[in-house]
Structure formats: structure tokens, C-alpha cells
C-alpha atoms as a PDB file:
ATOM      1  CA  MET A   1       3.137  -6.007 -17.117  1.00  0.00           C
ATOM      2  CA  THR A   2       3.730  -2.473 -16.213  1.00  0.00           C
ATOM      3  CA  ASP A   3       6.341  -1.075 -14.382  1.00  0.00           C
ATOM      4  CA  SER A   4       4.213  -0.689 -11.461  1.00  0.00           C
ATOM      5  CA  SER A   5       5.121  -4.206 -10.618  1.00  0.00           C
ATOM      6  CA  LYS A   6       8.661  -3.313 -10.275  1.00  0.00           C
ATOM      7  CA  GLN A   7      10.253  -2.509  -7.132  1.00  0.00           C
ATOM      8  CA  PRO A   8      13.361  -2.046  -5.353  1.00  0.00           C
ATOM      9  CA  ARG A   9      14.131  -4.892  -3.238  1.00  0.00           C
ATOM     10  CA  CYS A  10      12.862  -4.294   0.689  1.00  0.00           C
ATOM     11  CA  ASP A  11      15.701  -3.031   3.136  1.00  0.00           C
ATOM     12  CA  GLY A  12      15.657  -2.238   6.533  1.00  0.00           C
ATOM     13  CA  ASN A  13      14.708  -4.217   9.358  1.00  0.00           C
ATOM     14  CA  LEU A  14      11.347  -5.658  10.098  1.00  0.00           C
ATOM     15  CA  SER A  15       9.323  -4.935  12.897  1.00  0.00           C
ATOM     16  CA  HIS A  16       8.466  -7.492  15.389  1.00  0.00           C
ATOM     17  CA  GLU A  17       5.170  -7.707  14.257  1.00  0.00           C
ATOM     18  CA  HIS A  18       6.157  -8.371  10.243  1.00  0.00           C
ATOM     19  CA  VAL A  19       8.437 -11.154  11.876  1.00  0.00           C
ATOM     20  CA  ALA A  20       5.824 -12.583  13.696  1.00  0.00           C
ATOM     21  CA  LEU A  21       3.594 -12.756  11.226  1.00  0.00           C
ATOM     22  CA  LEU A  22       5.878 -14.442   8.842  1.00  0.00           C
ATOM     23  CA  VAL A  23       6.685 -17.051  11.080  1.00  0.00           C
ATOM     24  CA  GLU A  24       3.043 -17.891  12.241  1.00  0.00           C
ATOM     25  CA  GLN A  25       2.590 -18.146   8.047  1.00  0.00           C
ATOM     26  CA  PHE A  26       5.070 -20.458   7.505  1.00  0.00           C
ATOM     27  CA  THR A  27       4.914 -22.480  10.888  1.00  0.00           C
ATOM     28  CA  GLY A  28       1.078 -22.746   9.676  1.00  0.00           C
ATOM     29  CA  GLN A  29       1.794 -23.775   6.224  1.00  0.00           C
ATOM     30  CA  THR A  30       4.573 -26.132   6.763  1.00  0.00           C
ATOM     31  CA  ASN A  31       2.641 -27.995   9.449  1.00  0.00           C
ATOM     32  CA  ARG A  32      -0.109 -28.457   6.919  1.00  0.00           C
ATOM     33  CA  ILE A  33       2.363 -30.049   4.578  1.00  0.00           C
ATOM     34  CA  ALA A  34       3.993 -32.154   7.120  1.00  0.00           C
ATOM     35  CA  ASP A  35       0.800 -33.492   8.151  1.00  0.00           C
ATOM     36  CA  ILE A  36      -0.378 -34.399   4.657  1.00  0.00           C
ATOM     37  CA  THR A  37       3.079 -36.277   4.226  1.00  0.00           C
ATOM     38  CA  ALA A  38       2.658 -37.936   7.024  1.00  0.00           C
ATOM     39  CA  MET A  39      -0.747 -39.137   6.134  1.00  0.00           C
ATOM     40  CA  LEU A  40       0.959 -39.935   2.962  1.00  0.00           C
ATOM     41  CA  ILE A  41       3.574 -42.062   4.780  1.00  0.00           C
ATOM     42  CA  LYS A  42       1.214 -43.697   6.991  1.00  0.00           C
ATOM     43  CA  TYR A  43      -1.038 -44.697   3.835  1.00  0.00           C
ATOM     44  CA  ALA A  44       1.936 -46.238   2.028  1.00  0.00           C
ATOM     45  CA  HIS A  45       3.229 -47.929   5.351  1.00  0.00           C
ATOM     46  CA  ALA A  46      -0.374 -49.773   5.704  1.00  0.00           C
ATOM     47  CA  GLY A  47       0.265 -50.852   2.482  1.00  0.00           C
ATOM     48  CA  GLY A  48      -2.281 -48.590   0.316  1.00  0.00           C
ATOM     49  CA  LYS A  49      -2.120 -48.829  -3.259  1.00  0.00           C
ATOM     50  CA  ASP A  50      -5.438 -47.138  -4.087  1.00  0.00           C
ATOM     51  CA  TRP A  51      -4.547 -44.456  -6.836  1.00  0.00           C
ATOM     52  CA  GLU A  52      -7.516 -42.096  -5.942  1.00  0.00           C
ATOM     53  CA  THR A  53      -6.230 -42.151  -2.267  1.00  0.00           C
ATOM     54  CA  TYR A  54      -2.689 -40.981  -3.876  1.00  0.00           C
ATOM     55  CA  GLU A  55      -4.164 -38.475  -6.354  1.00  0.00           C
ATOM     56  CA  ARG A  56      -5.953 -37.189  -3.197  1.00  0.00           C
ATOM     57  CA  ILE A  57      -2.887 -36.754  -1.085  1.00  0.00           C
ATOM     58  CA  LEU A  58      -0.883 -35.594  -4.096  1.00  0.00           C
ATOM     59  CA  ASP A  59      -3.262 -32.929  -4.860  1.00  0.00           C
ATOM     60  CA  HIS A  60      -3.583 -31.649  -1.324  1.00  0.00           C
ATOM     61  CA  LEU A  61       0.081 -31.622  -1.076  1.00  0.00           C
ATOM     62  CA  ALA A  62       0.179 -29.211  -4.597  1.00  0.00           C
ATOM     63  CA  ARG A  63      -2.387 -26.980  -3.486  1.00  0.00           C
ATOM     64  CA  GLU A  64      -0.554 -26.452  -0.132  1.00  0.00           C
ATOM     65  CA  SER A  65       2.703 -26.137  -1.841  1.00  0.00           C
ATOM     66  CA  ILE A  66       1.407 -23.130  -4.204  1.00  0.00           C
ATOM     67  CA  LYS A  67       0.083 -21.465  -0.991  1.00  0.00           C
ATOM     68  CA  LEU A  68       4.140 -21.610   0.284  1.00  0.00           C
ATOM     69  CA  ILE A  69       5.052 -20.331  -3.111  1.00  0.00           C
ATOM     70  CA  GLN A  70       2.487 -17.563  -2.492  1.00  0.00           C
ATOM     71  CA  TYR A  71       3.438 -16.956   0.908  1.00  0.00           C
ATOM     72  CA  GLY A  72       7.304 -17.078   0.305  1.00  0.00           C
ATOM     73  CA  ARG A  73       7.212 -14.579  -2.563  1.00  0.00           C
ATOM     74  CA  GLY A  74       4.178 -12.301  -1.397  1.00  0.00           C
ATOM     75  CA  PRO A  75       6.518 -10.257   0.691  1.00  0.00           C
ATOM     76  CA  LEU A  76       9.234 -10.060  -1.510  1.00  0.00           C
ATOM     77  CA  GLN A  77       7.135  -8.683  -4.113  1.00  0.00           C
ATOM     78  CA  PRO A  78       4.381  -7.121  -2.038  1.00  0.00           C
ATOM     79  CA  ASP A  79       2.807  -4.849  -5.098  1.00  0.00           C
ATOM     80  CA  MET A  80       2.720  -8.302  -7.390  1.00  0.00           C
ATOM     81  CA  GLU A  81      -0.924  -9.179  -6.300  1.00  0.00           C
ATOM     82  CA  LYS A  82      -2.329  -5.793  -6.873  1.00  0.00           C
ATOM     83  CA  ALA A  83      -0.516  -5.653 -10.147  1.00  0.00           C
ATOM     84  CA  ALA A  84      -2.119  -8.968 -11.398  1.00  0.00           C
ATOM     85  CA  ARG A  85      -5.629  -7.715 -10.255  1.00  0.00           C
ATOM     86  CA  VAL A  86      -4.774  -4.407 -12.336  1.00  0.00           C
ATOM     87  CA  GLN A  87      -3.988  -6.821 -15.243  1.00  0.00           C
ATOM     88  CA  ILE A  88      -6.938  -9.004 -15.122  1.00  0.00           C
ATOM     89  CA  GLU A  89      -9.169  -5.952 -14.616  1.00  0.00           C
ATOM     90  CA  GLN A  90      -7.706  -4.369 -17.863  1.00  0.00           C
ATOM     91  CA  ALA A  91      -7.887  -7.918 -19.821  1.00  0.00           C
ATOM     92  CA  ALA A  92     -11.593  -7.971 -18.396  1.00  0.00           C
ATOM     93  CA  GLY A  93     -12.489  -4.474 -19.426  1.00  0.00           C
ATOM     94  CA  THR A  94     -14.198  -3.987 -16.113  1.00  0.00           C
ATOM     95  CA  THR A  95     -14.073  -3.856 -12.332  1.00  0.00           C
ATOM     96  CA  ALA A  96     -14.524  -7.374 -10.505  1.00  0.00           C
ATOM     97  CA  ARG A  97     -17.141  -5.547  -8.334  1.00  0.00           C
ATOM     98  CA  GLN A  98     -18.878  -4.159 -11.644  1.00  0.00           C
ATOM     99  CA  GLY A  99     -19.012  -7.385 -13.358  1.00  0.00           C
ATOM    100  CA  GLY A 100     -21.009  -8.799 -10.638  1.00  0.00           C
ATOM    101  CA  MET A 101     -20.484 -12.033  -8.368  1.00  0.00           C
ATOM    102  CA  ARG A 102     -19.522 -14.517 -10.979  1.00  0.00           C
ATOM    103  CA  GLU A 103     -17.287 -11.921 -12.799  1.00  0.00           C
ATOM    104  CA  HIS A 104     -15.617 -10.975  -9.299  1.00  0.00           C
ATOM    105  CA  LEU A 105     -14.891 -14.655  -8.467  1.00  0.00           C
ATOM    106  CA  HIS A 106     -13.522 -15.141 -11.987  1.00  0.00           C
ATOM    107  CA  GLN A 107     -11.073 -12.124 -11.766  1.00  0.00           C
ATOM    108  CA  ARG A 108     -10.189 -12.529  -8.353  1.00  0.00           C
ATOM    109  CA  THR A 109      -9.252 -16.419  -9.014  1.00  0.00           C
ATOM    110  CA  ALA A 110      -7.503 -15.367 -12.305  1.00  0.00           C
ATOM    111  CA  ALA A 111      -5.564 -12.406 -10.465  1.00  0.00           C
ATOM    112  CA  SER A 112      -4.160 -15.293  -8.129  1.00  0.00           C
ATOM    113  CA  PHE A 113      -3.225 -17.461 -10.538  1.00  0.00           C
ATOM    114  CA  LEU A 114      -1.414 -14.972 -12.493  1.00  0.00           C
ATOM    115  CA  ALA A 115       0.433 -13.883  -9.304  1.00  0.00           C
ATOM    116  CA  THR A 116       1.537 -17.535  -8.818  1.00  0.00           C
ATOM    117  CA  VAL A 117       2.404 -17.713 -12.826  1.00  0.00           C
ATOM    118  CA  TRP A 118       4.607 -14.671 -12.153  1.00  0.00           C
ATOM    119  CA  PHE A 119       6.093 -15.804  -8.812  1.00  0.00           C
ATOM    120  CA  ALA A 120       6.852 -19.363 -10.406  1.00  0.00           C
ATOM    121  CA  GLY A 121       8.667 -17.582 -13.118  1.00  0.00           C
ATOM    122  CA  HIS A 122      10.309 -15.468 -10.987  1.00  0.00           C
ATOM    123  CA  HIS A 123      11.872 -18.743  -9.564  1.00  0.00           C
ATOM    124  CA  HIS A 124      12.964 -20.138 -12.932  1.00  0.00           C
ATOM    125  CA  LEU A 125      14.456 -16.433 -13.914  1.00  0.00           C
ATOM    126  CA  VAL A 126      11.398 -15.357 -15.930  1.00  0.00           C
ATOM    127  CA  GLU A 127      10.192 -11.749 -14.648  1.00  0.00           C
ATOM    128  CA  PRO A 128       6.859 -10.556 -15.195  1.00  0.00           C
ATOM    129  CA  ASP A 129       7.840  -8.376 -18.318  1.00  0.00           C
ATOM    130  CA  ASP A 130       9.272 -11.264 -19.888  1.00  0.00           C
ATOM    131  CA  TRP A 131       5.711 -13.060 -20.372  1.00  0.00           C
ATOM    132  CA  PRO A 132       3.675 -12.260 -23.089  1.00  0.00           C
ATOM    133  CA  GLY A 133       1.549  -9.398 -23.121  1.00  0.00           C
ATOM    134  CA  ALA A 134      -1.596 -11.441 -23.730  1.00  0.00           C
ATOM    135  CA  LEU A 135      -1.266 -13.345 -20.713  1.00  0.00           C
ATOM    136  CA  PRO A 136      -3.311 -11.735 -18.214  1.00  0.00           C
ATOM    137  CA  ALA A 137      -6.431 -12.162 -20.852  1.00  0.00           C
ATOM    138  CA  THR A 138      -5.231 -15.927 -21.519  1.00  0.00           C
ATOM    139  CA  VAL A 139      -5.300 -16.637 -17.716  1.00  0.00           C
ATOM    140  CA  LEU A 140      -8.872 -14.763 -17.307  1.00  0.00           C
ATOM    141  CA  GLY A 141     -10.213 -16.759 -20.152  1.00  0.00           C
ATOM    142  CA  ALA A 142      -8.871 -20.198 -18.900  1.00  0.00           C
ATOM    143  CA  ILE A 143     -10.782 -19.116 -15.628  1.00  0.00           C
ATOM    144  CA  ARG A 144     -13.927 -17.970 -17.294  1.00  0.00           C
ATOM    145  CA  GLN A 145     -14.067 -21.403 -19.457  1.00  0.00           C
ATOM    146  CA  ALA A 146     -12.759 -23.713 -16.871  1.00  0.00           C
ATOM    147  CA  PRO A 147     -15.271 -26.643 -16.224  1.00  0.00           C
ATOM    148  CA  ALA A 148     -14.222 -27.342 -12.786  1.00  0.00           C
ATOM    149  CA  ILE A 149     -14.638 -24.003 -11.514  1.00  0.00           C
ATOM    150  CA  ASN A 150     -17.735 -23.105 -13.183  1.00  0.00           C
ATOM    151  CA  ASN A 151     -19.821 -26.463 -12.421  1.00  0.00           C
ATOM    152  CA  ASP A 152     -18.884 -25.955  -9.051  1.00  0.00           C
ATOM    153  CA  PRO A 153     -22.162 -25.799  -7.343  1.00  0.00           C
ATOM    154  CA  THR A 154     -21.344 -22.276  -5.543  1.00  0.00           C
ATOM    155  CA  VAL A 155     -20.325 -20.818  -8.717  1.00  0.00           C
ATOM    156  CA  ARG A 156     -22.616 -22.354 -10.823  1.00  0.00           C
ATOM    157  CA  ASN A 157     -25.742 -20.880  -8.914  1.00  0.00           C
ATOM    158  CA  LEU A 158     -23.854 -17.140  -8.781  1.00  0.00           C
ATOM    159  CA  ARG A 159     -25.592 -14.505 -10.955  1.00  0.00           C
ATOM    160  CA  ASP A 160     -23.892 -11.409 -12.520  1.00  0.00           C
ATOM    161  CA  THR A 161     -25.671  -8.184 -12.216  1.00  0.00           C
ATOM    162  CA  GLY A 162     -23.150  -6.434 -14.366  1.00  0.00           C
ATOM    163  CA  GLU A 163     -21.648  -6.335 -17.767  1.00  0.00           C
ATOM    164  CA  THR A 164     -18.333  -7.920 -19.083  1.00  0.00           C
ATOM    165  CA  ARG A 165     -16.399  -7.681 -22.187  1.00  0.00           C
END
């Protein structure tokens, strides 16, 4: 990771608009998590034991929790998402726009995933520079070959118009 992702901590005061945006994002996110949790509790109290149902509920909770991590770290490290995109483009050897629709989707997904890894790492006291230099290429490679992503009907029908390495 480059020094462009390192930045001093924010200081000063937030504008009313920034405060409102933070409150709105977290209120919406915590409400979605509360709704899923309520569904879990209701299903358990109704005697539900079907593993497939629990698996879906837990998956939804996990997805919303990852968003909570992104919403929480994003304002604290606002350049992290951009740094992740740059690292993924460097690993790809092309920009997402030059690579075509599938490449664009792969790179954007990989950048989001890489930023999430960095955000989670920060929680565990692992800074972005502590990760191996091959991490962006590894993340992009995993996204490019992930069956669940590539077999999705929408993704499967995308055609690239550009060249990738």
C-alpha cells in the first residue's frame, strides 16, 4: 500500500450536514440489523429449526454487519476506498473502465473487498502497510475466479470490450 492511504486523523468540527449523514447512515443500518435480528428471534420462538432458514438469516446479518464496518471506518479513513481502487487497478494493469463491464465489476468488487480487509485489519491493529504487497493481486484474482460471482446470471452475461492482463 502506498503512503497516499495514510492520512492524519480528522480534527475540528463536522458540519450539520455531515452529522446528519452519519446519523442517517447508522440509523438505517442499525434498523436493518435490528429487523433481521427480530426475524431471527421470532423464528426461534416459533420453534424454527431449519438450518437453511438460519443460514439465510445469519448471512443477511453478516452482510449488514460488513456494511456497518464500512460505514464506521469510511468517515475515519475517507481515502481508503480510493487507495483500494488504485491498488486493484495497479494489480490488474488496467483501469476498470478500460477493461469492460465484467472487468469493471470485478475491480469494483475487489476494491470494496480490499478496503473491507484493511478496515477489519485496522480493528485488529494491522495497518494497510502491514499486509503483503501481493494482497491486492490476490484479492482481484479471487474475485475474478469466484464461482458465486461469475455464475450469477447478470455477471455471466456481461461481455468485456477491453483488454486485461
